[in-house]
Amino acid sequence: MENPFEIINERLERIENLLQRICATKDTKNIGVIIPEIMNVKEVANYLSVTSSAIYKYTSAREIPHSKRGKRLYFNREEINAWVLENKQLTNNDIERMASDYLSKRPMKFK
């Protein structure tokens, strides 16, 4: 009879090797990870870390991009990503760069 600890060690080594191969793989399609393009209310709520009722509030106010089929709501992941990023807060460097660009393009008028 084999030593049970040897069996456990062999299995742990196989698991470790598999995990290393998965981590080394950058293409998620090769490791079987499925990221849905279309999400339902629960999925988009989890994705945005908000409640389902917040999602319903956004949809009724037409604040979040969505599609409706019967009584069901659907959300496109790319549209949700764009919606989240559309109100990006500018950094001080962004504001300074925009101000200097504006001043450099505007002709100076002296009275």
PDB file of N, CA and C in Angstrom:
ATOM      1  N   MET A   1       0.831  -1.185   0.000  1.00  0.00           N
ATOM      2  CA  MET A   1       0.000   0.000   0.000  1.00  0.00           C
ATOM      3  C   MET A   1       0.874   1.247   0.000  1.00  0.00           C
ATOM      4  N   GLU A   2       0.502   2.206  -0.858  1.00  0.00           N
ATOM      5  CA  GLU A   2       1.277   3.439  -0.961  1.00  0.00           C
ATOM      6  C   GLU A   2       1.067   4.323   0.256  1.00  0.00           C
ATOM      7  N   ASN A   3       2.066   5.133   0.504  1.00  0.00           N
ATOM      8  CA  ASN A   3       1.984   6.097   1.600  1.00  0.00           C
ATOM      9  C   ASN A   3       0.967   7.173   1.215  1.00  0.00           C
ATOM     10  N   PRO A   4      -0.061   7.443   2.039  1.00  0.00           N
ATOM     11  CA  PRO A   4      -1.070   8.438   1.667  1.00  0.00           C
ATOM     12  C   PRO A   4      -0.493   9.847   1.512  1.00  0.00           C
ATOM     13  N   PHE A   5       0.581  10.125   2.230  1.00  0.00           N
ATOM     14  CA  PHE A   5       1.191  11.449   2.117  1.00  0.00           C
ATOM     15  C   PHE A   5       1.865  11.639   0.759  1.00  0.00           C
ATOM     16  N   GLU A   6       2.409  10.551   0.207  1.00  0.00           N
ATOM     17  CA  GLU A   6       3.006  10.628  -1.125  1.00  0.00           C
ATOM     18  C   GLU A   6       1.934  10.905  -2.174  1.00  0.00           C
ATOM     19  N   ILE A   7       0.781  10.254  -2.019  1.00  0.00           N
ATOM     20  CA  ILE A   7      -0.331  10.474  -2.948  1.00  0.00           C
ATOM     21  C   ILE A   7      -0.788  11.925  -2.879  1.00  0.00           C
ATOM     22  N   ILE A   8      -0.908  12.445  -1.657  1.00  0.00           N
ATOM     23  CA  ILE A   8      -1.325  13.849  -1.471  1.00  0.00           C
ATOM     24  C   ILE A   8      -0.298  14.783  -2.088  1.00  0.00           C
ATOM     25  N   ASN A   9       0.985  14.511  -1.880  1.00  0.00           N
ATOM     26  CA  ASN A   9       2.037  15.355  -2.453  1.00  0.00           C
ATOM     27  C   ASN A   9       2.004  15.349  -3.970  1.00  0.00           C
ATOM     28  N   GLU A  10       1.789  14.173  -4.568  1.00  0.00           N
ATOM     29  CA  GLU A  10       1.721  14.081  -6.027  1.00  0.00           C
ATOM     30  C   GLU A  10       0.543  14.898  -6.560  1.00  0.00           C
ATOM     31  N   ARG A  11      -0.608  14.772  -5.903  1.00  0.00           N
ATOM     32  CA  ARG A  11      -1.781  15.524  -6.345  1.00  0.00           C
ATOM     33  C   ARG A  11      -1.566  17.019  -6.185  1.00  0.00           C
ATOM     34  N   LEU A  12      -0.967  17.434  -5.098  1.00  0.00           N
ATOM     35  CA  LEU A  12      -0.699  18.862  -4.880  1.00  0.00           C
ATOM     36  C   LEU A  12       0.263  19.398  -5.946  1.00  0.00           C
ATOM     37  N   GLU A  13       1.249  18.600  -6.308  1.00  0.00           N
ATOM     38  CA  GLU A  13       2.180  19.019  -7.356  1.00  0.00           C
ATOM     39  C   GLU A  13       1.461  19.198  -8.691  1.00  0.00           C
ATOM     40  N   ARG A  14       0.542  18.263  -9.017  1.00  0.00           N
ATOM     41  CA  ARG A  14      -0.224  18.386 -10.255  1.00  0.00           C
ATOM     42  C   ARG A  14      -1.095  19.642 -10.228  1.00  0.00           C
ATOM     43  N   ILE A  15      -1.737  19.884  -9.104  1.00  0.00           N
ATOM     44  CA  ILE A  15      -2.576  21.085  -8.979  1.00  0.00           C
ATOM     45  C   ILE A  15      -1.723  22.335  -9.115  1.00  0.00           C
ATOM     46  N   GLU A  16      -0.584  22.356  -8.474  1.00  0.00           N
ATOM     47  CA  GLU A  16       0.309  23.507  -8.550  1.00  0.00           C
ATOM     48  C   GLU A  16       0.771  23.760  -9.979  1.00  0.00           C
ATOM     49  N   ASN A  17       1.109  22.697 -10.696  1.00  0.00           N
ATOM     50  CA  ASN A  17       1.533  22.838 -12.096  1.00  0.00           C
ATOM     51  C   ASN A  17       0.414  23.377 -12.968  1.00  0.00           C
ATOM     52  N   LEU A  18      -0.800  22.870 -12.741  1.00  0.00           N
ATOM     53  CA  LEU A  18      -1.941  23.379 -13.502  1.00  0.00           C
ATOM     54  C   LEU A  18      -2.175  24.865 -13.227  1.00  0.00           C
ATOM     55  N   LEU A  19      -2.095  25.242 -11.968  1.00  0.00           N
ATOM     56  CA  LEU A  19      -2.289  26.660 -11.623  1.00  0.00           C
ATOM     57  C   LEU A  19      -1.209  27.540 -12.242  1.00  0.00           C
ATOM     58  N   GLN A  20       0.008  27.067 -12.254  1.00  0.00           N
ATOM     59  CA  GLN A  20       1.086  27.843 -12.870  1.00  0.00           C
ATOM     60  C   GLN A  20       0.849  28.006 -14.369  1.00  0.00           C
ATOM     61  N   ARG A  21       0.370  26.961 -15.031  1.00  0.00           N
ATOM     62  CA  ARG A  21       0.068  27.070 -16.462  1.00  0.00           C
ATOM     63  C   ARG A  21      -1.083  28.042 -16.706  1.00  0.00           C
ATOM     64  N   ILE A  22      -2.092  27.993 -15.842  1.00  0.00           N
ATOM     65  CA  ILE A  22      -3.231  28.903 -15.992  1.00  0.00           C
ATOM     66  C   ILE A  22      -2.780  30.344 -15.800  1.00  0.00           C
ATOM     67  N   CYS A  23      -1.981  30.604 -14.783  1.00  0.00           N
ATOM     68  CA  CYS A  23      -1.496  31.963 -14.530  1.00  0.00           C
ATOM     69  C   CYS A  23      -0.588  32.454 -15.641  1.00  0.00           C
ATOM     70  N   ALA A  24       0.161  31.545 -16.256  1.00  0.00           N
ATOM     71  CA  ALA A  24       1.065  31.934 -17.341  1.00  0.00           C
ATOM     72  C   ALA A  24       0.311  32.224 -18.625  1.00  0.00           C
ATOM     73  N   THR A  25      -0.902  31.695 -18.756  1.00  0.00           N
ATOM     74  CA  THR A  25      -1.705  31.903 -19.952  1.00  0.00           C
ATOM     75  C   THR A  25      -2.383  33.261 -19.866  1.00  0.00           C
ATOM     76  N   LYS A  26      -2.123  34.121 -20.822  1.00  0.00           N
ATOM     77  CA  LYS A  26      -2.724  35.452 -20.801  1.00  0.00           C
ATOM     78  C   LYS A  26      -4.043  35.497 -21.548  1.00  0.00           C
ATOM     79  N   ASP A  27      -4.246  34.595 -22.459  1.00  0.00           N
ATOM     80  CA  ASP A  27      -5.476  34.554 -23.247  1.00  0.00           C
ATOM     81  C   ASP A  27      -6.515  33.761 -22.485  1.00  0.00           C
ATOM     82  N   THR A  28      -7.557  34.438 -21.979  1.00  0.00           N
ATOM     83  CA  THR A  28      -8.568  33.770 -21.150  1.00  0.00           C
ATOM     84  C   THR A  28      -9.377  32.754 -21.943  1.00  0.00           C
ATOM     85  N   LYS A  29      -9.426  32.846 -23.257  1.00  0.00           N
ATOM     86  CA  LYS A  29     -10.181  31.881 -24.046  1.00  0.00           C
ATOM     87  C   LYS A  29      -9.551  30.494 -23.967  1.00  0.00           C
ATOM     88  N   ASN A  30      -8.229  30.452 -23.799  1.00  0.00           N
ATOM     89  CA  ASN A  30      -7.546  29.166 -23.742  1.00  0.00           C
ATOM     90  C   ASN A  30      -7.780  28.424 -22.435  1.00  0.00           C
ATOM     91  N   ILE A  31      -8.160  29.117 -21.373  1.00  0.00           N
ATOM     92  CA  ILE A  31      -8.336  28.442 -20.089  1.00  0.00           C
ATOM     93  C   ILE A  31      -9.800  28.227 -19.752  1.00  0.00           C
ATOM     94  N   GLY A  32     -10.704  28.545 -20.665  1.00  0.00           N
ATOM     95  CA  GLY A  32     -12.107  28.232 -20.460  1.00  0.00           C
ATOM     96  C   GLY A  32     -12.885  29.239 -19.624  1.00  0.00           C
ATOM     97  N   VAL A  33     -12.360  30.435 -19.431  1.00  0.00           N
ATOM     98  CA  VAL A  33     -13.093  31.450 -18.685  1.00  0.00           C
ATOM     99  C   VAL A  33     -14.059  32.128 -19.642  1.00  0.00           C
ATOM    100  N   ILE A  34     -15.327  32.128 -19.286  1.00  0.00           N
ATOM    101  CA  ILE A  34     -16.341  32.738 -20.135  1.00  0.00           C
ATOM    102  C   ILE A  34     -16.813  34.032 -19.491  1.00  0.00           C
ATOM    103  N   ILE A  35     -16.624  35.126 -20.201  1.00  0.00           N
ATOM    104  CA  ILE A  35     -17.079  36.424 -19.728  1.00  0.00           C
ATOM    105  C   ILE A  35     -18.248  36.827 -20.617  1.00  0.00           C
ATOM    106  N   PRO A  36     -19.462  36.835 -20.052  1.00  0.00           N
ATOM    107  CA  PRO A  36     -20.623  37.133 -20.889  1.00  0.00           C
ATOM    108  C   PRO A  36     -20.641  38.586 -21.342  1.00  0.00           C
ATOM    109  N   GLU A  37     -21.045  38.794 -22.574  1.00  0.00           N
ATOM    110  CA  GLU A  37     -21.183  40.146 -23.103  1.00  0.00           C
ATOM    111  C   GLU A  37     -22.507  40.763 -22.657  1.00  0.00           C
ATOM    112  N   ILE A  38     -23.517  39.932 -22.483  1.00  0.00           N
ATOM    113  CA  ILE A  38     -24.832  40.393 -22.087  1.00  0.00           C
ATOM    114  C   ILE A  38     -25.079  39.958 -20.648  1.00  0.00           C
ATOM    115  N   MET A  39     -25.482  40.899 -19.796  1.00  0.00           N
ATOM    116  CA  MET A  39     -25.705  40.612 -18.382  1.00  0.00           C
ATOM    117  C   MET A  39     -27.149  40.916 -18.003  1.00  0.00           C
ATOM    118  N   ASN A  40     -27.632  40.236 -16.964  1.00  0.00           N
ATOM    119  CA  ASN A  40     -28.950  40.541 -16.423  1.00  0.00           C
ATOM    120  C   ASN A  40     -28.794  41.493 -15.233  1.00  0.00           C
ATOM    121  N   VAL A  41     -29.889  41.799 -14.552  1.00  0.00           N
ATOM    122  CA  VAL A  41     -29.859  42.774 -13.459  1.00  0.00           C
ATOM    123  C   VAL A  41     -28.923  42.329 -12.344  1.00  0.00           C
ATOM    124  N   LYS A  42     -29.015  41.069 -11.946  1.00  0.00           N
ATOM    125  CA  LYS A  42     -28.151  40.573 -10.862  1.00  0.00           C
ATOM    126  C   LYS A  42     -26.678  40.669 -11.236  1.00  0.00           C
ATOM    127  N   GLU A  43     -26.371  40.255 -12.458  1.00  0.00           N
ATOM    128  CA  GLU A  43     -24.975  40.252 -12.889  1.00  0.00           C
ATOM    129  C   GLU A  43     -24.415  41.668 -12.968  1.00  0.00           C
ATOM    130  N   VAL A  44     -25.194  42.603 -13.500  1.00  0.00           N
ATOM    131  CA  VAL A  44     -24.683  43.976 -13.602  1.00  0.00           C
ATOM    132  C   VAL A  44     -24.589  44.608 -12.212  1.00  0.00           C
ATOM    133  N   ALA A  45     -25.499  44.249 -11.308  1.00  0.00           N
ATOM    134  CA  ALA A  45     -25.418  44.762  -9.935  1.00  0.00           C
ATOM    135  C   ALA A  45     -24.147  44.260  -9.261  1.00  0.00           C
ATOM    136  N   ASN A  46     -23.835  42.978  -9.424  1.00  0.00           N
ATOM    137  CA  ASN A  46     -22.592  42.429  -8.869  1.00  0.00           C
ATOM    138  C   ASN A  46     -21.375  43.053  -9.529  1.00  0.00           C
ATOM    139  N   TYR A  47     -21.447  43.237 -10.831  1.00  0.00           N
ATOM    140  CA  TYR A  47     -20.333  43.819 -11.590  1.00  0.00           C
ATOM    141  C   TYR A  47     -20.017  45.233 -11.114  1.00  0.00           C
ATOM    142  N   LEU A  48     -21.066  46.005 -10.803  1.00  0.00           N
ATOM    143  CA  LEU A  48     -20.883  47.396 -10.368  1.00  0.00           C
ATOM    144  C   LEU A  48     -20.836  47.544  -8.850  1.00  0.00           C
ATOM    145  N   SER A  49     -20.995  46.440  -8.130  1.00  0.00           N
ATOM    146  CA  SER A  49     -21.011  46.440  -6.662  1.00  0.00           C
ATOM    147  C   SER A  49     -22.095  47.359  -6.105  1.00  0.00           C
ATOM    148  N   VAL A  50     -23.283  47.243  -6.654  1.00  0.00           N
ATOM    149  CA  VAL A  50     -24.447  47.977  -6.159  1.00  0.00           C
ATOM    150  C   VAL A  50     -25.584  46.968  -5.991  1.00  0.00           C
ATOM    151  N   THR A  51     -26.709  47.433  -5.449  1.00  0.00           N
ATOM    152  CA  THR A  51     -27.853  46.545  -5.269  1.00  0.00           C
ATOM    153  C   THR A  51     -28.667  46.460  -6.560  1.00  0.00           C
ATOM    154  N   SER A  52     -29.480  45.425  -6.642  1.00  0.00           N
ATOM    155  CA  SER A  52     -30.369  45.280  -7.798  1.00  0.00           C
ATOM    156  C   SER A  52     -31.367  46.427  -7.852  1.00  0.00           C
ATOM    157  N   SER A  53     -31.814  46.892  -6.687  1.00  0.00           N
ATOM    158  CA  SER A  53     -32.771  48.004  -6.679  1.00  0.00           C
ATOM    159  C   SER A  53     -32.136  49.280  -7.233  1.00  0.00           C
ATOM    160  N   ALA A  54     -30.838  49.464  -7.024  1.00  0.00           N
ATOM    161  CA  ALA A  54     -30.152  50.623  -7.610  1.00  0.00           C
ATOM    162  C   ALA A  54     -30.154  50.517  -9.132  1.00  0.00           C
ATOM    163  N   ILE A  55     -29.971  49.309  -9.651  1.00  0.00           N
ATOM    164  CA  ILE A  55     -29.998  49.106 -11.102  1.00  0.00           C
ATOM    165  C   ILE A  55     -31.387  49.416 -11.643  1.00  0.00           C
ATOM    166  N   TYR A  56     -32.429  48.941 -10.958  1.00  0.00           N
ATOM    167  CA  TYR A  56     -33.800  49.247 -11.386  1.00  0.00           C
ATOM    168  C   TYR A  56     -34.061  50.757 -11.358  1.00  0.00           C
ATOM    169  N   LYS A  57     -33.512  51.436 -10.356  1.00  0.00           N
ATOM    170  CA  LYS A  57     -33.667  52.896 -10.260  1.00  0.00           C
ATOM    171  C   LYS A  57     -32.990  53.581 -11.456  1.00  0.00           C
ATOM    172  N   TYR A  58     -31.766  53.142 -11.782  1.00  0.00           N
ATOM    173  CA  TYR A  58     -31.052  53.718 -12.928  1.00  0.00           C
ATOM    174  C   TYR A  58     -31.812  53.484 -14.230  1.00  0.00           C
ATOM    175  N   THR A  59     -32.376  52.288 -14.384  1.00  0.00           N
ATOM    176  CA  THR A  59     -33.089  51.997 -15.627  1.00  0.00           C
ATOM    177  C   THR A  59     -34.383  52.797 -15.732  1.00  0.00           C
ATOM    178  N   SER A  60     -35.103  52.938 -14.618  1.00  0.00           N
ATOM    179  CA  SER A  60     -36.362  53.689 -14.691  1.00  0.00           C
ATOM    180  C   SER A  60     -36.101  55.167 -14.944  1.00  0.00           C
ATOM    181  N   ALA A  61     -34.957  55.674 -14.497  1.00  0.00           N
ATOM    182  CA  ALA A  61     -34.586  57.064 -14.764  1.00  0.00           C
ATOM    183  C   ALA A  61     -33.859  57.207 -16.100  1.00  0.00           C
ATOM    184  N   ARG A  62     -33.690  56.088 -16.807  1.00  0.00           N
ATOM    185  CA  ARG A  62     -32.970  56.044 -18.086  1.00  0.00           C
ATOM    186  C   ARG A  62     -31.555  56.612 -17.975  1.00  0.00           C
ATOM    187  N   GLU A  63     -30.893  56.290 -16.864  1.00  0.00           N
ATOM    188  CA  GLU A  63     -29.524  56.754 -16.635  1.00  0.00           C
ATOM    189  C   GLU A  63     -28.479  55.740 -17.089  1.00  0.00           C
ATOM    190  N   ILE A  64     -28.849  54.471 -17.126  1.00  0.00           N
ATOM    191  CA  ILE A  64     -27.901  53.413 -17.463  1.00  0.00           C
ATOM    192  C   ILE A  64     -28.338  52.779 -18.790  1.00  0.00           C
ATOM    193  N   PRO A  65     -27.396  52.512 -19.702  1.00  0.00           N
ATOM    194  CA  PRO A  65     -27.779  51.899 -20.976  1.00  0.00           C
ATOM    195  C   PRO A  65     -28.268  50.466 -20.764  1.00  0.00           C
ATOM    196  N   HIS A  66     -29.426  50.165 -21.326  1.00  0.00           N
ATOM    197  CA  HIS A  66     -30.000  48.830 -21.176  1.00  0.00           C
ATOM    198  C   HIS A  66     -30.954  48.535 -22.319  1.00  0.00           C
ATOM    199  N   SER A  67     -31.309  47.267 -22.427  1.00  0.00           N
ATOM    200  CA  SER A  67     -32.304  46.809 -23.396  1.00  0.00           C
ATOM    201  C   SER A  67     -33.372  46.063 -22.625  1.00  0.00           C
ATOM    202  N   LYS A  68     -34.578  46.098 -23.166  1.00  0.00           N
ATOM    203  CA  LYS A  68     -35.684  45.422 -22.497  1.00  0.00           C
ATOM    204  C   LYS A  68     -36.356  44.485 -23.480  1.00  0.00           C
ATOM    205  N   ARG A  69     -36.558  43.262 -23.063  1.00  0.00           N
ATOM    206  CA  ARG A  69     -37.235  42.251 -23.875  1.00  0.00           C
ATOM    207  C   ARG A  69     -38.340  41.681 -22.998  1.00  0.00           C
ATOM    208  N   GLY A  70     -39.559  42.099 -23.258  1.00  0.00           N
ATOM    209  CA  GLY A  70     -40.652  41.718 -22.366  1.00  0.00           C
ATOM    210  C   GLY A  70     -40.464  42.424 -21.034  1.00  0.00           C
ATOM    211  N   LYS A  71     -40.419  41.655 -19.967  1.00  0.00           N
ATOM    212  CA  LYS A  71     -40.190  42.235 -18.640  1.00  0.00           C
ATOM    213  C   LYS A  71     -38.743  42.102 -18.190  1.00  0.00           C
ATOM    214  N   ARG A  72     -37.917  41.558 -19.042  1.00  0.00           N
ATOM    215  CA  ARG A  72     -36.520  41.320 -18.672  1.00  0.00           C
ATOM    216  C   ARG A  72     -35.622  42.450 -19.165  1.00  0.00           C
ATOM    217  N   LEU A  73     -34.633  42.792 -18.326  1.00  0.00           N
ATOM    218  CA  LEU A  73     -33.662  43.819 -18.655  1.00  0.00           C
ATOM    219  C   LEU A  73     -32.321  43.166 -18.978  1.00  0.00           C
ATOM    220  N   TYR A  74     -31.634  43.707 -19.992  1.00  0.00           N
ATOM    221  CA  TYR A  74     -30.341  43.193 -20.399  1.00  0.00           C
ATOM    222  C   TYR A  74     -29.365  44.360 -20.525  1.00  0.00           C
ATOM    223  N   PHE A  75     -28.097  44.076 -20.239  1.00  0.00           N
ATOM    224  CA  PHE A  75     -27.063  45.092 -20.250  1.00  0.00           C
ATOM    225  C   PHE A  75     -25.858  44.573 -21.018  1.00  0.00           C
ATOM    226  N   ASN A  76     -25.310  45.415 -21.894  1.00  0.00           N
ATOM    227  CA  ASN A  76     -24.114  45.082 -22.656  1.00  0.00           C
ATOM    228  C   ASN A  76     -22.900  45.514 -21.836  1.00  0.00           C
ATOM    229  N   ARG A  77     -21.961  44.598 -21.615  1.00  0.00           N
ATOM    230  CA  ARG A  77     -20.798  44.878 -20.766  1.00  0.00           C
ATOM    231  C   ARG A  77     -19.998  46.084 -21.270  1.00  0.00           C
ATOM    232  N   GLU A  78     -19.781  46.182 -22.573  1.00  0.00           N
ATOM    233  CA  GLU A  78     -19.007  47.308 -23.114  1.00  0.00           C
ATOM    234  C   GLU A  78     -19.718  48.633 -22.871  1.00  0.00           C
ATOM    235  N   GLU A  79     -21.050  48.644 -23.036  1.00  0.00           N
ATOM    236  CA  GLU A  79     -21.811  49.871 -22.790  1.00  0.00           C
ATOM    237  C   GLU A  79     -21.776  50.256 -21.320  1.00  0.00           C
ATOM    238  N   ILE A  80     -21.821  49.259 -20.436  1.00  0.00           N
ATOM    239  CA  ILE A  80     -21.745  49.536 -18.997  1.00  0.00           C
ATOM    240  C   ILE A  80     -20.370  50.101 -18.656  1.00  0.00           C
ATOM    241  N   ASN A  81     -19.317  49.529 -19.221  1.00  0.00           N
ATOM    242  CA  ASN A  81     -17.965  50.053 -18.979  1.00  0.00           C
ATOM    243  C   ASN A  81     -17.855  51.501 -19.445  1.00  0.00           C
ATOM    244  N   ALA A  82     -18.377  51.795 -20.624  1.00  0.00           N
ATOM    245  CA  ALA A  82     -18.333  53.168 -21.146  1.00  0.00           C
ATOM    246  C   ALA A  82     -19.150  54.101 -20.259  1.00  0.00           C
ATOM    247  N   TRP A  83     -20.313  53.631 -19.793  1.00  0.00           N
ATOM    248  CA  TRP A  83     -21.174  54.443 -18.927  1.00  0.00           C
ATOM    249  C   TRP A  83     -20.471  54.772 -17.618  1.00  0.00           C
ATOM    250  N   VAL A  84     -19.775  53.802 -17.048  1.00  0.00           N
ATOM    251  CA  VAL A  84     -19.063  54.020 -15.789  1.00  0.00           C
ATOM    252  C   VAL A  84     -17.953  55.050 -15.973  1.00  0.00           C
ATOM    253  N   LEU A  85     -17.284  54.994 -17.113  1.00  0.00           N
ATOM    254  CA  LEU A  85     -16.128  55.867 -17.336  1.00  0.00           C
ATOM    255  C   LEU A  85     -16.466  57.219 -17.950  1.00  0.00           C
ATOM    256  N   GLU A  86     -17.731  57.464 -18.300  1.00  0.00           N
ATOM    257  CA  GLU A  86     -18.051  58.705 -19.003  1.00  0.00           C
ATOM    258  C   GLU A  86     -17.943  59.949 -18.132  1.00  0.00           C
ATOM    259  N   ASN A  87     -18.027  59.823 -16.836  1.00  0.00           N
ATOM    260  CA  ASN A  87     -17.908  60.984 -15.950  1.00  0.00           C
ATOM    261  C   ASN A  87     -16.578  60.985 -15.211  1.00  0.00           C
ATOM    262  N   LYS A  88     -15.536  60.717 -15.952  1.00  0.00           N
ATOM    263  CA  LYS A  88     -14.199  60.644 -15.380  1.00  0.00           C
ATOM    264  C   LYS A  88     -13.802  61.996 -14.787  1.00  0.00           C
ATOM    265  N   GLN A  89     -13.239  61.951 -13.599  1.00  0.00           N
ATOM    266  CA  GLN A  89     -12.762  63.156 -12.948  1.00  0.00           C
ATOM    267  C   GLN A  89     -11.354  63.468 -13.455  1.00  0.00           C
ATOM    268  N   LEU A  90     -11.150  64.699 -13.867  1.00  0.00           N
ATOM    269  CA  LEU A  90      -9.856  65.104 -14.391  1.00  0.00           C
ATOM    270  C   LEU A  90      -8.866  65.322 -13.252  1.00  0.00           C
ATOM    271  N   THR A  91      -7.621  64.953 -13.497  1.00  0.00           N
ATOM    272  CA  THR A  91      -6.574  65.204 -12.514  1.00  0.00           C
ATOM    273  C   THR A  91      -6.095  66.642 -12.675  1.00  0.00           C
ATOM    274  N   ASN A  92      -5.332  67.116 -11.705  1.00  0.00           N
ATOM    275  CA  ASN A  92      -4.769  68.473 -11.796  1.00  0.00           C
ATOM    276  C   ASN A  92      -3.877  68.602 -13.027  1.00  0.00           C
ATOM    277  N   ASN A  93      -3.122  67.565 -13.340  1.00  0.00           N
ATOM    278  CA  ASN A  93      -2.269  67.601 -14.535  1.00  0.00           C
ATOM    279  C   ASN A  93      -3.105  67.711 -15.805  1.00  0.00           C
ATOM    280  N   ASP A  94      -4.238  66.999 -15.863  1.00  0.00           N
ATOM    281  CA  ASP A  94      -5.125  67.092 -17.028  1.00  0.00           C
ATOM    282  C   ASP A  94      -5.648  68.518 -17.195  1.00  0.00           C
ATOM    283  N   ILE A  95      -6.069  69.119 -16.098  1.00  0.00           N
ATOM    284  CA  ILE A  95      -6.615  70.479 -16.138  1.00  0.00           C
ATOM    285  C   ILE A  95      -5.546  71.473 -16.559  1.00  0.00           C
ATOM    286  N   GLU A  96      -4.347  71.340 -16.010  1.00  0.00           N
ATOM    287  CA  GLU A  96      -3.252  72.242 -16.386  1.00  0.00           C
ATOM    288  C   GLU A  96      -2.894  72.090 -17.862  1.00  0.00           C
ATOM    289  N   ARG A  97      -2.867  70.859 -18.354  1.00  0.00           N
ATOM    290  CA  ARG A  97      -2.557  70.611 -19.758  1.00  0.00           C
ATOM    291  C   ARG A  97      -3.630  71.226 -20.658  1.00  0.00           C
ATOM    292  N   MET A  98      -4.900  71.072 -20.286  1.00  0.00           N
ATOM    293  CA  MET A  98      -5.985  71.653 -21.074  1.00  0.00           C
ATOM    294  C   MET A  98      -5.907  73.181 -21.068  1.00  0.00           C
ATOM    295  N   ALA A  99      -5.568  73.754 -19.923  1.00  0.00           N
ATOM    296  CA  ALA A  99      -5.452  75.211 -19.830  1.00  0.00           C
ATOM    297  C   ALA A  99      -4.298  75.723 -20.687  1.00  0.00           C
ATOM    298  N   SER A 100      -3.170  75.044 -20.638  1.00  0.00           N
ATOM    299  CA  SER A 100      -2.030  75.504 -21.448  1.00  0.00           C
ATOM    300  C   SER A 100      -2.312  75.312 -22.940  1.00  0.00           C
ATOM    301  N   ASP A 101      -2.993  74.224 -23.312  1.00  0.00           N
ATOM    302  CA  ASP A 101      -3.387  74.027 -24.712  1.00  0.00           C
ATOM    303  C   ASP A 101      -4.330  75.131 -25.167  1.00  0.00           C
ATOM    304  N   TYR A 102      -5.280  75.483 -24.329  1.00  0.00           N
ATOM    305  CA  TYR A 102      -6.245  76.534 -24.653  1.00  0.00           C
ATOM    306  C   TYR A 102      -5.536  77.870 -24.834  1.00  0.00           C
ATOM    307  N   LEU A 103      -4.629  78.197 -23.913  1.00  0.00           N
ATOM    308  CA  LEU A 103      -3.918  79.474 -23.996  1.00  0.00           C
ATOM    309  C   LEU A 103      -2.965  79.523 -25.184  1.00  0.00           C
ATOM    310  N   SER A 104      -2.369  78.400 -25.534  1.00  0.00           N
ATOM    311  CA  SER A 104      -1.424  78.402 -26.649  1.00  0.00           C
ATOM    312  C   SER A 104      -2.148  78.521 -27.994  1.00  0.00           C
ATOM    313  N   LYS A 105      -3.396  78.074 -28.084  1.00  0.00           N
ATOM    314  CA  LYS A 105      -4.149  78.139 -29.333  1.00  0.00           C
ATOM    315  C   LYS A 105      -4.912  79.445 -29.485  1.00  0.00           C
ATOM    316  N   ARG A 106      -5.109  80.152 -28.413  1.00  0.00           N
ATOM    317  CA  ARG A 106      -5.895  81.378 -28.436  1.00  0.00           C
ATOM    318  C   ARG A 106      -4.987  82.583 -28.701  1.00  0.00           C
ATOM    319  N   PRO A 107      -5.326  83.408 -29.695  1.00  0.00           N
ATOM    320  CA  PRO A 107      -4.478  84.575 -29.969  1.00  0.00           C
ATOM    321  C   PRO A 107      -4.582  85.585 -28.816  1.00  0.00           C
ATOM    322  N   MET A 108      -3.445  86.152 -28.474  1.00  0.00           N
ATOM    323  CA  MET A 108      -3.403  87.147 -27.394  1.00  0.00           C
ATOM    324  C   MET A 108      -3.876  88.496 -27.936  1.00  0.00           C
ATOM    325  N   LYS A 109      -4.754  89.155 -27.216  1.00  0.00           N
ATOM    326  CA  LYS A 109      -5.238  90.471 -27.611  1.00  0.00           C
ATOM    327  C   LYS A 109      -4.829  91.464 -26.540  1.00  0.00           C
ATOM    328  N   PHE A 110      -4.144  92.501 -26.979  1.00  0.00           N
ATOM    329  CA  PHE A 110      -3.725  93.558 -26.044  1.00  0.00           C
ATOM    330  C   PHE A 110      -4.486  94.816 -26.378  1.00  0.00           C
ATOM    331  N   LYS A 111      -4.921  95.527 -25.365  1.00  0.00           N
ATOM    332  CA  LYS A 111      -5.622  96.779 -25.577  1.00  0.00           C
ATOM    333  C   LYS A 111      -4.733  97.952 -25.287  1.00  0.00           C
TER     334      LYS A 111
END
